[in-house]
Amino acid sequence: MKVVIDEEKCVAAGQCVAAAVDVFDQRDEDGVVVLLNATPPAELEDDVRQAAAVCPALAITIVD
């Protein structure tokens, strides 16, 4: 699994961080998503998929 984010689409809702705190964070200055791990381990796959599903801006893409 590879995670790709589109910072331009991000609306800083923080749903991704709530779903997968080990993979996503937010910039302090504007709340835009920060990708901590573009290739998360298998045990985090469900959390990452949940994060992508709840992103209101559809800014997270998962490549299998």
N, C-alpha and C. Protein backbone atom coordinates (compact mmCIF):
# COMPACT_ATOMS: atom_id res chain seq x y z
N MET A 1 0.84 -1.18 0.00
CA MET A 1 0.00 0.00 0.00
C MET A 1 0.88 1.24 0.00
N LYS A 2 0.49 2.19 -0.84
CA LYS A 2 1.15 3.49 -0.85
C LYS A 2 0.07 4.55 -0.67
N VAL A 3 0.35 5.55 0.15
CA VAL A 3 -0.58 6.63 0.42
C VAL A 3 -0.09 7.90 -0.29
N VAL A 4 -1.00 8.55 -0.98
CA VAL A 4 -0.70 9.80 -1.67
C VAL A 4 -1.70 10.84 -1.18
N ILE A 5 -1.20 12.02 -0.84
CA ILE A 5 -2.11 13.09 -0.42
C ILE A 5 -2.03 14.25 -1.39
N ASP A 6 -3.13 14.97 -1.50
CA ASP A 6 -3.19 16.17 -2.32
C ASP A 6 -3.42 17.35 -1.38
N GLU A 7 -2.35 18.02 -1.01
CA GLU A 7 -2.44 19.14 -0.08
C GLU A 7 -3.35 20.25 -0.59
N GLU A 8 -3.44 20.39 -1.90
CA GLU A 8 -4.29 21.43 -2.49
C GLU A 8 -5.77 21.20 -2.19
N LYS A 9 -6.17 19.95 -2.09
CA LYS A 9 -7.57 19.60 -1.81
C LYS A 9 -7.90 19.65 -0.32
N CYS A 10 -6.90 19.46 0.53
CA CYS A 10 -7.11 19.32 1.98
C CYS A 10 -7.83 20.54 2.55
N VAL A 11 -8.86 20.27 3.37
CA VAL A 11 -9.62 21.35 4.02
C VAL A 11 -9.36 21.39 5.52
N ALA A 12 -8.35 20.67 5.97
CA ALA A 12 -7.90 20.70 7.36
C ALA A 12 -8.96 20.26 8.36
N ALA A 13 -9.76 19.28 7.98
CA ALA A 13 -10.81 18.79 8.88
C ALA A 13 -10.25 17.91 9.99
N GLY A 14 -9.10 17.27 9.76
CA GLY A 14 -8.47 16.44 10.77
C GLY A 14 -9.02 15.04 10.91
N GLN A 15 -9.92 14.65 10.05
CA GLN A 15 -10.50 13.31 10.13
C GLN A 15 -9.46 12.23 9.89
N CYS A 16 -8.48 12.51 9.04
CA CYS A 16 -7.44 11.52 8.76
C CYS A 16 -6.58 11.26 9.99
N VAL A 17 -6.27 12.32 10.71
CA VAL A 17 -5.46 12.18 11.92
C VAL A 17 -6.22 11.37 12.97
N ALA A 18 -7.49 11.63 13.11
CA ALA A 18 -8.31 10.90 14.07
C ALA A 18 -8.37 9.41 13.72
N ALA A 19 -8.37 9.09 12.43
CA ALA A 19 -8.48 7.70 11.99
C ALA A 19 -7.14 6.96 11.99
N ALA A 20 -6.05 7.67 11.71
CA ALA A 20 -4.74 7.01 11.58
C ALA A 20 -3.63 7.96 12.03
N VAL A 21 -3.53 8.14 13.33
CA VAL A 21 -2.58 9.10 13.91
C VAL A 21 -1.12 8.73 13.63
N ASP A 22 -0.83 7.47 13.36
CA ASP A 22 0.54 7.06 13.06
C ASP A 22 0.94 7.33 11.62
N VAL A 23 -0.02 7.71 10.80
CA VAL A 23 0.25 7.92 9.38
C VAL A 23 0.06 9.39 8.98
N PHE A 24 -0.87 10.08 9.64
CA PHE A 24 -1.18 11.47 9.28
C PHE A 24 -1.00 12.41 10.46
N ASP A 25 -0.67 13.65 10.14
CA ASP A 25 -0.61 14.72 11.12
C ASP A 25 -1.11 15.98 10.41
N GLN A 26 -1.13 17.09 11.12
CA GLN A 26 -1.56 18.34 10.52
C GLN A 26 -0.53 19.42 10.81
N ARG A 27 -0.33 20.32 9.84
CA ARG A 27 0.57 21.45 10.05
C ARG A 27 -0.03 22.39 11.08
N ASP A 28 0.81 22.89 11.96
CA ASP A 28 0.34 23.79 13.01
C ASP A 28 -0.24 25.09 12.45
N GLU A 29 0.39 25.61 11.41
CA GLU A 29 -0.01 26.94 10.92
C GLU A 29 -1.35 26.97 10.19
N ASP A 30 -1.72 25.88 9.52
CA ASP A 30 -2.97 25.93 8.77
C ASP A 30 -3.80 24.64 8.83
N GLY A 31 -3.30 23.63 9.50
CA GLY A 31 -4.06 22.40 9.66
C GLY A 31 -4.03 21.45 8.49
N VAL A 32 -3.31 21.79 7.44
CA VAL A 32 -3.24 20.93 6.25
C VAL A 32 -2.53 19.63 6.61
N VAL A 33 -3.00 18.56 6.01
CA VAL A 33 -2.47 17.22 6.30
C VAL A 33 -0.97 17.13 6.02
N VAL A 34 -0.30 16.35 6.87
CA VAL A 34 1.11 15.99 6.70
C VAL A 34 1.16 14.47 6.69
N LEU A 35 1.76 13.92 5.68
CA LEU A 35 1.89 12.47 5.57
C LEU A 35 3.15 12.03 6.31
N LEU A 36 2.97 11.25 7.35
CA LEU A 36 4.10 10.79 8.16
C LEU A 36 4.74 9.53 7.60
N ASN A 37 3.95 8.72 6.90
CA ASN A 37 4.45 7.45 6.38
C ASN A 37 3.70 7.11 5.10
N ALA A 38 4.35 7.25 3.96
CA ALA A 38 3.70 6.98 2.67
C ALA A 38 3.49 5.50 2.40
N THR A 39 4.22 4.65 3.11
CA THR A 39 4.09 3.20 2.95
C THR A 39 3.89 2.57 4.33
N PRO A 40 2.71 2.75 4.91
CA PRO A 40 2.47 2.24 6.26
C PRO A 40 2.47 0.71 6.30
N PRO A 41 2.79 0.14 7.47
CA PRO A 41 2.79 -1.31 7.61
C PRO A 41 1.37 -1.89 7.49
N ALA A 42 1.31 -3.16 7.22
CA ALA A 42 0.03 -3.84 6.99
C ALA A 42 -0.93 -3.69 8.15
N GLU A 43 -0.43 -3.65 9.37
CA GLU A 43 -1.33 -3.55 10.52
C GLU A 43 -2.06 -2.20 10.60
N LEU A 44 -1.61 -1.21 9.83
CA LEU A 44 -2.29 0.09 9.81
C LEU A 44 -3.19 0.27 8.58
N GLU A 45 -3.24 -0.74 7.74
CA GLU A 45 -3.99 -0.63 6.48
C GLU A 45 -5.46 -0.27 6.69
N ASP A 46 -6.12 -0.91 7.61
CA ASP A 46 -7.54 -0.61 7.85
C ASP A 46 -7.73 0.83 8.31
N ASP A 47 -6.85 1.31 9.18
CA ASP A 47 -6.95 2.70 9.66
C ASP A 47 -6.75 3.69 8.52
N VAL A 48 -5.78 3.40 7.65
CA VAL A 48 -5.50 4.29 6.53
C VAL A 48 -6.68 4.31 5.55
N ARG A 49 -7.25 3.16 5.29
CA ARG A 49 -8.42 3.11 4.40
C ARG A 49 -9.61 3.87 5.01
N GLN A 50 -9.76 3.77 6.31
CA GLN A 50 -10.81 4.53 7.00
C GLN A 50 -10.55 6.03 6.87
N ALA A 51 -9.30 6.43 7.04
CA ALA A 51 -8.94 7.84 6.90
C ALA A 51 -9.29 8.37 5.51
N ALA A 52 -8.98 7.59 4.49
CA ALA A 52 -9.31 8.00 3.12
C ALA A 52 -10.82 8.10 2.92
N ALA A 53 -11.54 7.16 3.53
CA ALA A 53 -12.99 7.13 3.37
C ALA A 53 -13.68 8.31 4.04
N VAL A 54 -13.14 8.78 5.17
CA VAL A 54 -13.80 9.87 5.90
C VAL A 54 -13.29 11.25 5.52
N CYS A 55 -12.29 11.33 4.67
CA CYS A 55 -11.76 12.63 4.25
C CYS A 55 -12.83 13.39 3.46
N PRO A 56 -13.28 14.54 3.99
CA PRO A 56 -14.35 15.27 3.31
C PRO A 56 -13.93 15.87 1.97
N ALA A 57 -12.63 16.06 1.76
CA ALA A 57 -12.15 16.65 0.52
C ALA A 57 -11.62 15.62 -0.47
N LEU A 58 -11.65 14.34 -0.08
CA LEU A 58 -11.11 13.27 -0.92
C LEU A 58 -9.66 13.55 -1.31
N ALA A 59 -8.87 14.01 -0.32
CA ALA A 59 -7.48 14.39 -0.56
C ALA A 59 -6.50 13.23 -0.38
N ILE A 60 -7.01 12.06 0.01
CA ILE A 60 -6.15 10.90 0.25
C ILE A 60 -6.43 9.84 -0.80
N THR A 61 -5.38 9.39 -1.46
CA THR A 61 -5.48 8.32 -2.44
C THR A 61 -4.63 7.15 -1.96
N ILE A 62 -5.17 5.94 -2.11
CA ILE A 62 -4.43 4.73 -1.75
C ILE A 62 -4.15 3.96 -3.02
N VAL A 63 -2.87 3.63 -3.19
CA VAL A 63 -2.43 2.83 -4.34
C VAL A 63 -2.00 1.47 -3.81
N ASP A 64 -2.67 0.42 -4.30
CA ASP A 64 -2.34 -0.94 -3.84
C ASP A 64 -1.25 -1.55 -4.68
